Amino acid sequence: MLNLPIKRVALTCILLSLVWAWGLVSIQASDGAAVTEVELWEAMASVNGGDIKPELFEAEYQRVAAFSTAADPGALAVDVLRYLIEAELILQFAAANALEVDDHIIDAEIASLRDNLGAGRWRVWLSENLYTEAEFRAAMRLQFARKAVRDFVTAHLRDEVEHVRARHILVARESDAARVLQRLVEGESFARLAAQLSVDVSTSAFGGDLGWFVRGELLDPTLGAAAFSQQPGEIAGPIATRLGYHILHVVGRAERKIEPGRLPHVAENIFQLWLEAQVERAEIRLNLGVLNAFAAASARPAE
């Protein structure tokens, strides 16, 4: 994030970039002109018809800002709005699939926290962390709902699932990758070239071995998708990702259990990919009037 004072125009542009970055389908403009005729009134955004109120955004923004080292309030606002949109989608999915959290579970968790701290210290803790009782209860509900939805979405991972084992050589330029491919065609060792040329220091010493992985597990989904499109023995590339250019060699495919130590990490990765897909498919509308008002208020110098 830039360590520069944010201006109203810049902050507004960052917020409006959500329209393009997330594929938002329609906008209610501050001057009354709209891409669609949907009225959001005082809501900051609408997610499949569920409103995100400005006071909810303000409270979450203040909590995040209080503990953030970010210098750019615009980027922080984008992060918070994205979080609230994802939270609304999680709660909607939980309700639609009978995954809602029992109030008694939330009551018991809060009672345990209050008893551990003591009533006085509990009130201080809420104040220090900028929560009201109701806001903390809502946060707990979201936490439980998120876990329930993640477990539901990733339940298949407890069975045997398709794995691929592959190795790769990562280089900075496409021309470098083309030369690596040519050397492989000429019969040079993949492992030796990985050790000599790959800029992925976590795998180069092991011949570029990525190990066994499932769909959605690799850091870059493009590389994972390429691996699952190949058969054992095939070499593909150059594959462009944000990391550079890869030469990929699929070593094997098999139905395997995910090791217990790997399962939480894999489940979280796949849940995040699922959540991104929900955002892309959702009907999301932003109220530009409310966003502009927030931008203006954030740009005012402190008195």
Protein backbone atom coordinates (compact mmCIF):
# COMPACT_ATOMS: atom_id res chain seq x y z
CA MET A 1 0.00 0.00 0.00
CA LEU A 2 1.22 3.49 -0.84
CA ASN A 3 2.48 5.60 2.04
CA LEU A 4 0.85 8.72 0.60
CA PRO A 5 -2.04 10.88 1.82
CA ILE A 6 -5.22 9.69 0.15
CA LYS A 7 -7.32 12.21 -1.75
CA ARG A 8 -11.07 12.02 -2.20
CA VAL A 9 -10.81 11.31 -5.93
CA ALA A 10 -8.28 8.53 -5.39
CA LEU A 11 -10.31 6.93 -2.61
CA THR A 12 -13.50 7.08 -4.63
CA CYS A 13 -11.74 5.52 -7.62
CA ILE A 14 -10.44 2.69 -5.45
CA LEU A 15 -13.92 1.99 -4.15
CA LEU A 16 -15.40 2.14 -7.64
CA SER A 17 -12.74 -0.25 -8.90
CA LEU A 18 -14.74 -2.93 -7.08
CA VAL A 19 -17.25 -2.68 -9.93
CA TRP A 20 -14.68 -3.94 -12.41
CA ALA A 21 -12.52 -6.14 -10.19
CA TRP A 22 -15.45 -8.18 -8.88
CA GLY A 23 -17.73 -8.06 -11.90
CA LEU A 24 -20.47 -6.19 -10.01
CA VAL A 25 -23.60 -6.20 -12.10
CA SER A 26 -25.20 -2.83 -11.37
CA ILE A 27 -24.75 0.46 -9.56
CA GLN A 28 -27.01 3.07 -8.00
CA ALA A 29 -25.34 6.41 -8.68
CA SER A 30 -25.35 9.34 -6.26
CA ASP A 31 -27.02 11.73 -8.73
CA GLY A 32 -29.98 9.42 -9.26
CA ALA A 33 -28.76 8.08 -12.61
CA ALA A 34 -28.42 4.32 -12.42
CA VAL A 35 -27.32 1.43 -14.54
CA THR A 36 -30.40 -0.36 -13.20
CA GLU A 37 -33.55 0.90 -11.50
CA VAL A 38 -32.75 -0.80 -8.17
CA GLU A 39 -33.13 1.50 -5.18
CA LEU A 40 -30.64 0.90 -2.38
CA TRP A 41 -31.86 3.81 -0.25
CA GLU A 42 -29.39 4.11 2.63
CA ALA A 43 -27.71 0.74 2.18
CA MET A 44 -24.04 0.82 1.21
CA ALA A 45 -24.35 -2.28 -0.94
CA SER A 46 -26.77 -5.07 -1.76
CA VAL A 47 -25.70 -8.72 -2.04
CA ASN A 48 -28.36 -10.94 -3.63
CA GLY A 49 -30.90 -8.59 -2.11
CA GLY A 50 -29.32 -8.53 1.36
CA ASP A 51 -28.29 -5.04 2.47
CA ILE A 52 -24.96 -3.98 3.91
CA LYS A 53 -25.77 -0.93 6.01
CA PRO A 54 -23.35 2.01 6.28
CA GLU A 55 -23.24 1.67 10.07
CA LEU A 56 -22.10 -1.96 9.72
CA PHE A 57 -19.36 -0.90 7.31
CA GLU A 58 -18.31 2.03 9.54
CA ALA A 59 -18.04 -0.16 12.65
CA GLU A 60 -16.01 -2.83 10.85
CA TYR A 61 -13.81 -0.23 9.17
CA GLN A 62 -13.04 1.44 12.50
CA ARG A 63 -12.13 -1.91 14.11
CA VAL A 64 -9.83 -2.87 11.26
CA ALA A 65 -8.28 0.60 11.01
CA ALA A 66 -7.55 0.69 14.74
CA PHE A 67 -5.24 -2.32 14.47
CA SER A 68 -3.98 -1.89 10.90
CA THR A 69 -0.62 -0.45 9.85
CA ALA A 70 -1.98 0.35 6.37
CA ALA A 71 -1.39 3.96 5.31
CA ASP A 72 -4.00 3.93 2.56
CA PRO A 73 -7.59 4.22 3.86
CA GLY A 74 -8.95 3.61 0.37
CA ALA A 75 -7.32 0.20 0.07
CA LEU A 76 -8.44 -0.59 3.61
CA ALA A 77 -12.02 0.38 2.73
CA VAL A 78 -11.94 -1.96 -0.25
CA ASP A 79 -10.72 -4.80 1.98
CA VAL A 80 -13.47 -4.16 4.53
CA LEU A 81 -16.23 -3.95 1.93
CA ARG A 82 -15.00 -7.15 0.30
CA TYR A 83 -14.99 -8.85 3.72
CA LEU A 84 -18.58 -7.75 4.41
CA ILE A 85 -19.75 -8.92 0.99
CA GLU A 86 -18.14 -12.32 1.58
CA ALA A 87 -19.64 -12.47 5.08
CA GLU A 88 -23.12 -11.81 3.70
CA LEU A 89 -22.66 -14.56 1.11
CA ILE A 90 -21.55 -17.01 3.81
CA LEU A 91 -24.57 -16.21 5.98
CA GLN A 92 -26.92 -16.52 3.00
CA PHE A 93 -25.46 -19.90 2.03
CA ALA A 94 -25.66 -21.12 5.63
CA ALA A 95 -29.33 -20.15 5.85
CA ALA A 96 -30.16 -21.76 2.49
CA ASN A 97 -28.52 -25.03 3.50
CA ALA A 98 -29.78 -25.29 7.09
CA LEU A 99 -26.30 -24.59 8.49
CA GLU A 100 -27.33 -21.76 10.79
CA VAL A 101 -25.68 -21.68 14.20
CA ASP A 102 -27.72 -22.49 17.30
CA ASP A 103 -28.00 -19.44 19.58
CA HIS A 104 -27.17 -21.67 22.55
CA ILE A 105 -23.73 -22.38 21.09
CA ILE A 106 -23.03 -18.67 20.75
CA ASP A 107 -24.36 -18.00 24.28
CA ALA A 108 -22.09 -20.70 25.71
CA GLU A 109 -19.02 -19.39 23.90
CA ILE A 110 -19.60 -15.80 25.02
CA ALA A 111 -20.35 -16.92 28.58
CA SER A 112 -17.08 -18.85 28.64
CA LEU A 113 -15.10 -15.82 27.46
CA ARG A 114 -16.86 -13.55 29.98
CA ASP A 115 -16.26 -15.97 32.84
CA ASN A 116 -12.58 -16.34 31.98
CA LEU A 117 -12.04 -12.58 31.92
CA GLY A 118 -14.49 -11.56 34.63
CA ALA A 119 -17.44 -9.25 33.99
CA GLY A 120 -15.47 -6.02 34.45
CA ARG A 121 -12.54 -7.04 32.29
CA TRP A 122 -14.94 -8.40 29.68
CA ARG A 123 -16.57 -4.99 29.26
CA VAL A 124 -13.12 -3.38 29.01
CA TRP A 125 -12.06 -5.93 26.38
CA LEU A 126 -15.15 -5.20 24.28
CA SER A 127 -14.48 -1.47 24.51
CA GLU A 128 -10.78 -1.83 23.66
CA ASN A 129 -11.67 -3.88 20.61
CA LEU A 130 -14.46 -1.51 19.55
CA TYR A 131 -17.27 -4.03 19.93
CA THR A 132 -20.72 -3.68 21.39
CA GLU A 133 -22.24 -6.87 22.82
CA ALA A 134 -24.47 -7.15 19.76
CA GLU A 135 -21.58 -6.64 17.34
CA PHE A 136 -19.47 -9.27 19.08
CA ARG A 137 -22.37 -11.73 19.02
CA ALA A 138 -22.73 -11.12 15.26
CA ALA A 139 -19.00 -11.70 14.80
CA MET A 140 -19.22 -14.98 16.71
CA ARG A 141 -22.20 -16.07 14.60
CA LEU A 142 -20.23 -15.36 11.43
CA GLN A 143 -17.22 -17.28 12.76
CA PHE A 144 -19.32 -20.39 13.45
CA ALA A 145 -21.22 -20.02 10.17
CA ARG A 146 -17.98 -19.73 8.22
CA LYS A 147 -16.67 -22.96 9.73
CA ALA A 148 -19.94 -24.76 9.07
CA VAL A 149 -20.01 -23.63 5.44
CA ARG A 150 -16.34 -24.47 4.92
CA ASP A 151 -16.89 -27.96 6.34
CA PHE A 152 -19.94 -28.39 4.10
CA VAL A 153 -18.15 -27.21 0.95
CA THR A 154 -15.03 -29.28 1.60
CA ALA A 155 -16.69 -32.44 2.99
CA HIS A 156 -15.51 -34.42 -0.05
CA LEU A 157 -11.90 -33.93 1.01
CA ARG A 158 -12.32 -36.50 3.78
CA ASP A 159 -12.64 -39.24 1.15
CA GLU A 160 -10.08 -40.30 -1.40
CA VAL A 161 -9.71 -37.50 -3.94
CA GLU A 162 -7.83 -37.11 -7.19
CA HIS A 163 -4.21 -36.05 -6.74
CA VAL A 164 -1.53 -35.10 -9.22
CA ARG A 165 2.18 -35.27 -8.60
CA ALA A 166 4.22 -32.88 -10.71
CA ARG A 167 7.49 -31.01 -10.89
CA HIS A 168 8.22 -27.65 -12.42
CA ILE A 169 10.91 -25.24 -13.49
CA LEU A 170 10.07 -21.58 -12.85
CA VAL A 171 11.88 -18.81 -14.77
CA ALA A 172 11.33 -15.08 -15.08
CA ARG A 173 10.91 -14.69 -18.85
CA GLU A 174 9.00 -16.56 -21.51
CA SER A 175 12.09 -16.71 -23.68
CA ASP A 176 13.96 -18.45 -20.83
CA ALA A 177 11.13 -20.99 -20.56
CA ALA A 178 11.29 -21.66 -24.31
CA ARG A 179 15.02 -22.38 -24.02
CA VAL A 180 14.40 -24.75 -21.09
CA LEU A 181 11.81 -26.60 -23.16
CA GLN A 182 14.27 -26.95 -26.02
CA ARG A 183 16.95 -28.34 -23.72
CA LEU A 184 14.46 -30.89 -22.39
CA VAL A 185 13.58 -31.92 -25.94
CA GLU A 186 17.29 -32.41 -26.55
CA GLY A 187 17.40 -34.86 -23.66
CA GLU A 188 18.73 -32.90 -20.69
CA SER A 189 17.64 -33.94 -17.21
CA PHE A 190 14.54 -32.15 -15.84
CA ALA A 191 15.85 -32.43 -12.27
CA ARG A 192 19.26 -31.01 -13.21
CA LEU A 193 17.74 -28.08 -15.09
CA ALA A 194 15.40 -27.38 -12.16
CA ALA A 195 18.37 -27.30 -9.78
CA GLN A 196 20.34 -25.01 -12.10
CA LEU A 197 17.69 -22.65 -13.47
CA SER A 198 14.47 -22.62 -11.40
CA VAL A 199 13.92 -19.51 -9.32
CA ASP A 200 11.56 -21.43 -7.02
CA VAL A 201 14.05 -22.03 -4.21
CA SER A 202 11.56 -24.17 -2.28
CA THR A 203 11.58 -26.87 -4.98
CA SER A 204 14.70 -26.40 -7.10
CA ALA A 205 16.91 -28.45 -4.78
CA PHE A 206 14.44 -31.34 -5.13
CA GLY A 207 14.35 -31.38 -8.90
CA GLY A 208 11.35 -29.04 -9.00
CA ASP A 209 9.13 -31.58 -7.19
CA LEU A 210 5.77 -30.08 -6.12
CA GLY A 211 4.71 -33.33 -4.45
CA TRP A 212 1.14 -34.66 -4.52
CA PHE A 213 -1.62 -32.04 -4.55
CA VAL A 214 -5.36 -31.75 -5.16
CA ARG A 215 -7.34 -29.26 -7.21
CA GLY A 216 -7.14 -25.84 -5.61
CA GLU A 217 -4.17 -26.62 -3.39
CA LEU A 218 -1.37 -24.94 -5.32
CA LEU A 219 -0.67 -21.28 -4.60
CA ASP A 220 -1.39 -20.36 -8.23
CA PRO A 221 -4.64 -21.85 -9.58
CA THR A 222 -3.45 -21.51 -13.19
CA LEU A 223 -0.56 -23.89 -12.56
CA GLY A 224 -2.86 -26.34 -10.74
CA ALA A 225 -5.40 -26.30 -13.57
CA ALA A 226 -2.62 -27.00 -16.08
CA ALA A 227 -1.39 -29.95 -14.02
CA PHE A 228 -4.86 -31.52 -13.86
CA SER A 229 -5.27 -31.14 -17.62
CA GLN A 230 -2.21 -33.32 -18.33
CA GLN A 231 -1.48 -37.02 -18.19
CA PRO A 232 1.56 -38.60 -16.50
CA GLY A 233 4.71 -38.16 -18.55
CA GLU A 234 3.52 -35.03 -20.35
CA ILE A 235 5.53 -31.80 -20.26
CA ALA A 236 3.76 -28.49 -20.80
CA GLY A 237 4.79 -24.86 -21.00
CA PRO A 238 5.49 -22.09 -20.91
CA ILE A 239 2.64 -21.57 -18.42
CA ALA A 240 2.34 -17.91 -17.44
CA THR A 241 1.41 -17.10 -13.84
CA ARG A 242 1.95 -14.09 -11.61
CA LEU A 243 5.15 -15.80 -10.43
CA GLY A 244 6.72 -16.11 -13.88
CA TYR A 245 6.81 -18.85 -16.53
CA HIS A 246 6.64 -22.54 -15.66
CA ILE A 247 7.65 -25.72 -17.41
CA LEU A 248 5.47 -28.44 -15.88
CA HIS A 249 6.01 -32.19 -15.88
CA VAL A 250 3.22 -34.40 -14.54
CA VAL A 251 4.72 -37.44 -12.83
CA GLY A 252 1.60 -39.25 -11.63
CA ARG A 253 -2.16 -39.18 -10.95
CA ALA A 254 -3.96 -41.15 -8.27
CA GLU A 255 -6.96 -41.25 -5.94
CA ARG A 256 -5.50 -40.70 -2.48
CA LYS A 257 -6.46 -39.65 1.03
CA ILE A 258 -5.29 -36.23 2.13
CA GLU A 259 -2.96 -36.53 5.10
CA PRO A 260 -4.53 -35.15 8.33
CA GLY A 261 -1.78 -32.56 8.71
CA ARG A 262 -2.44 -31.21 5.23
CA LEU A 263 -6.23 -31.26 5.40
CA PRO A 264 -6.88 -27.90 7.17
CA HIS A 265 -4.64 -26.01 4.74
CA VAL A 266 -6.17 -27.69 1.68
CA ALA A 267 -9.70 -27.13 2.98
CA GLU A 268 -9.05 -23.43 3.57
CA ASN A 269 -7.56 -22.97 0.09
CA ILE A 270 -10.49 -24.69 -1.59
CA PHE A 271 -12.99 -22.78 0.54
CA GLN A 272 -11.37 -19.48 -0.52
CA LEU A 273 -11.65 -20.46 -4.19
CA TRP A 274 -15.30 -21.39 -3.60
CA LEU A 275 -15.93 -18.03 -1.91
CA GLU A 276 -14.33 -16.13 -4.79
CA ALA A 277 -16.64 -17.96 -7.17
CA GLN A 278 -19.66 -16.97 -5.02
CA VAL A 279 -18.63 -13.32 -5.26
CA GLU A 280 -18.31 -13.57 -9.04
CA ARG A 281 -21.77 -15.13 -9.38
CA ALA A 282 -23.58 -12.95 -6.86
CA GLU A 283 -25.83 -10.05 -7.74
CA ILE A 284 -23.98 -7.21 -6.06
CA ARG A 285 -24.93 -3.54 -6.23
CA LEU A 286 -23.05 -0.58 -4.79
CA ASN A 287 -24.65 2.68 -3.70
CA LEU A 288 -22.26 5.28 -5.09
CA GLY A 289 -23.84 8.04 -3.05
CA VAL A 290 -22.99 6.32 0.23
CA LEU A 291 -19.51 5.36 -1.05
CA ASN A 292 -18.82 8.95 -2.09
CA ALA A 293 -19.96 10.21 1.31
CA PHE A 294 -17.57 7.83 3.03
CA ALA A 295 -14.76 8.89 0.68
CA ALA A 296 -15.40 12.56 1.47
CA ALA A 297 -15.48 11.97 5.23
CA SER A 298 -12.28 9.89 5.13
CA ALA A 299 -10.47 12.54 3.12
CA ARG A 300 -11.14 15.31 5.66
CA PRO A 301 -8.06 16.15 7.75
CA ALA A 302 -8.31 15.34 11.45
CA GLU A 303 -9.21 18.34 13.59
